[in-house]
């Protein structure tokens, strides 16, 4: 394998071309974990940037929409789901940041982001400058 810092040279030995490899590293690397506070994590894309890709992933004409069949359902709305109720309780009624929500819920950042995105898409919560707040 070739690593950053390696030097590959084309040399001639006995009149025949050969590639040589010179390792130019004095550092021995080992696998490890880099732990960062949740507030330093790579921020999620703003919802208004990706919302069309999440909810409106098909372009249709108004005639197609008007003529499309509708589906009746008795599915509970998002605030009826147990996990959403727990998250809304953790959010409370004042804006709260991601680190606080992780502490209050015990959820992983990935799972918390999934639930927060779901509630944002439903219009139940908002995210302003990294603070989550109820809209209802």
Protein backbone atom coordinates (compact mmCIF):
# COMPACT_ATOMS: atom_id res chain seq x y z
CA UNK A 1 0.00 0.00 0.00
CA UNK A 2 1.06 3.57 -0.62
CA UNK A 3 0.66 6.02 2.25
CA UNK A 4 0.93 9.81 2.46
CA UNK A 5 4.58 10.80 2.59
CA UNK A 6 5.81 7.73 0.67
CA UNK A 7 8.14 8.39 -2.24
CA UNK A 8 7.86 6.24 -5.38
CA UNK A 9 10.82 6.35 -7.75
CA UNK A 10 11.44 4.87 -11.17
CA UNK A 11 14.98 3.49 -11.29
CA UNK A 12 16.91 1.30 -13.71
CA UNK A 13 18.58 -1.82 -12.35
CA UNK A 14 20.61 -3.87 -14.80
CA UNK A 15 19.03 -1.84 -17.59
CA UNK A 16 15.51 -2.72 -16.56
CA UNK A 17 13.03 -0.18 -15.11
CA UNK A 18 11.88 -0.78 -11.54
CA UNK A 19 9.68 1.09 -9.11
CA UNK A 20 11.05 1.61 -5.62
CA UNK A 21 9.19 2.75 -2.55
CA UNK A 22 10.72 4.85 0.20
CA UNK A 23 8.75 5.24 3.39
CA UNK A 24 9.18 8.81 4.50
CA UNK A 25 7.38 8.53 7.83
CA UNK A 26 8.79 8.51 11.33
CA UNK A 27 5.38 8.28 12.99
CA UNK A 28 3.75 5.01 13.98
CA UNK A 29 0.00 5.38 13.68
CA UNK A 30 -2.45 3.36 15.76
CA UNK A 31 -6.21 3.23 15.61
CA UNK A 32 -7.95 5.27 18.24
CA UNK A 33 -11.08 7.15 19.15
CA UNK A 34 -11.36 10.91 19.05
CA UNK A 35 -14.05 12.09 21.44
CA UNK A 36 -15.60 15.51 20.88
CA UNK A 37 -18.44 17.26 22.70
CA UNK A 38 -21.72 16.96 20.81
CA UNK A 39 -21.68 20.70 20.21
CA UNK A 40 -18.53 20.27 18.08
CA UNK A 41 -20.09 17.60 15.86
CA UNK A 42 -20.52 18.30 12.18
CA UNK A 43 -23.77 20.27 12.00
CA UNK A 44 -26.73 18.83 10.17
CA UNK A 45 -27.82 20.50 6.95
CA UNK A 46 -30.53 23.09 7.56
CA UNK A 47 -33.98 21.61 7.09
CA UNK A 48 -34.96 24.21 4.50
CA UNK A 49 -32.04 23.06 2.32
CA UNK A 50 -33.00 19.37 2.29
CA UNK A 51 -36.74 19.46 2.95
CA UNK A 52 -37.66 19.11 -0.73
CA UNK A 53 -35.54 15.97 -1.01
CA UNK A 54 -37.14 14.45 2.09
CA UNK A 55 -40.77 15.26 1.50
CA UNK A 56 -41.19 16.26 -2.14
CA UNK A 57 -38.99 13.87 -4.05
CA UNK A 58 -41.24 13.79 -7.11
CA UNK A 59 -42.18 16.56 -9.52
CA UNK A 60 -45.77 16.44 -10.73
CA UNK A 61 -48.17 18.84 -12.39
CA UNK A 62 -51.15 20.28 -10.54
CA UNK A 63 -53.46 18.19 -12.75
CA UNK A 64 -51.69 15.02 -11.59
CA UNK A 65 -52.08 16.08 -7.97
CA UNK A 66 -55.76 16.90 -8.42
CA UNK A 67 -56.43 13.58 -10.14
CA UNK A 68 -54.40 11.41 -7.76
CA UNK A 69 -56.24 9.08 -5.37
CA UNK A 70 -56.10 9.84 -1.67
CA UNK A 71 -55.56 7.35 1.13
CA UNK A 72 -57.59 7.43 4.31
CA UNK A 73 -55.77 6.33 7.45
CA UNK A 74 -56.27 6.07 11.15
CA UNK A 75 -52.54 6.38 11.87
CA UNK A 76 -51.82 8.36 15.04
CA UNK A 77 -50.15 11.69 14.50
CA UNK A 78 -46.48 12.10 15.40
CA UNK A 79 -47.11 13.58 18.84
CA UNK A 80 -49.01 10.42 19.84
CA UNK A 81 -45.92 8.22 19.43
CA UNK A 82 -44.36 7.26 22.76
CA UNK A 83 -40.79 8.12 21.67
CA UNK A 84 -41.91 11.56 20.50
CA UNK A 85 -43.68 12.23 23.79
CA UNK A 86 -40.46 11.39 25.66
CA UNK A 87 -38.45 13.71 23.43
CA UNK A 88 -40.98 16.54 23.74
CA UNK A 89 -40.83 16.16 27.53
CA UNK A 90 -37.02 16.38 27.33
CA UNK A 91 -37.27 19.54 25.21
CA UNK A 92 -39.63 21.12 27.72
CA UNK A 93 -40.94 24.60 26.99
CA UNK A 94 -37.68 26.50 26.68
CA UNK A 95 -35.12 26.28 23.86
CA UNK A 96 -32.60 23.51 24.52
CA UNK A 97 -29.34 22.44 22.83
CA UNK A 98 -28.29 19.01 21.55
CA UNK A 99 -25.92 18.25 24.46
CA UNK A 100 -28.72 18.82 26.97
CA UNK A 101 -31.09 16.60 24.99
CA UNK A 102 -28.50 13.81 24.88
CA UNK A 103 -28.15 14.05 28.67
CA UNK A 104 -31.91 14.16 29.27
CA UNK A 105 -32.85 11.34 26.92
CA UNK A 106 -29.84 9.03 26.96
CA UNK A 107 -30.28 8.62 23.19
CA UNK A 108 -27.39 8.48 20.74
CA UNK A 109 -26.84 11.59 18.63
CA UNK A 110 -27.87 9.63 15.52
CA UNK A 111 -31.18 8.47 17.01
CA UNK A 112 -31.83 11.88 18.55
CA UNK A 113 -31.22 13.58 15.19
CA UNK A 114 -33.64 11.16 13.51
CA UNK A 115 -36.40 11.93 15.99
CA UNK A 116 -35.74 15.67 15.95
CA UNK A 117 -35.84 15.74 12.14
CA UNK A 118 -39.14 13.85 12.18
CA UNK A 119 -40.65 16.37 14.60
CA UNK A 120 -39.30 19.28 12.56
CA UNK A 121 -40.84 17.90 9.37
CA UNK A 122 -44.17 17.58 11.16
CA UNK A 123 -43.92 21.22 12.27
CA UNK A 124 -43.95 20.30 15.97
CA UNK A 125 -40.51 21.72 16.85
CA UNK A 126 -38.04 24.18 15.34
CA UNK A 127 -34.27 24.52 15.38
CA UNK A 128 -32.89 28.02 15.59
CA UNK A 129 -29.11 28.41 15.99
CA UNK A 130 -28.76 24.90 17.41
CA UNK A 131 -31.56 25.32 19.97
CA UNK A 132 -34.64 23.13 19.72
CA UNK A 133 -38.00 24.58 20.75
CA UNK A 134 -41.64 23.50 20.62
CA UNK A 135 -43.93 25.20 18.12
CA UNK A 136 -47.13 23.88 19.69
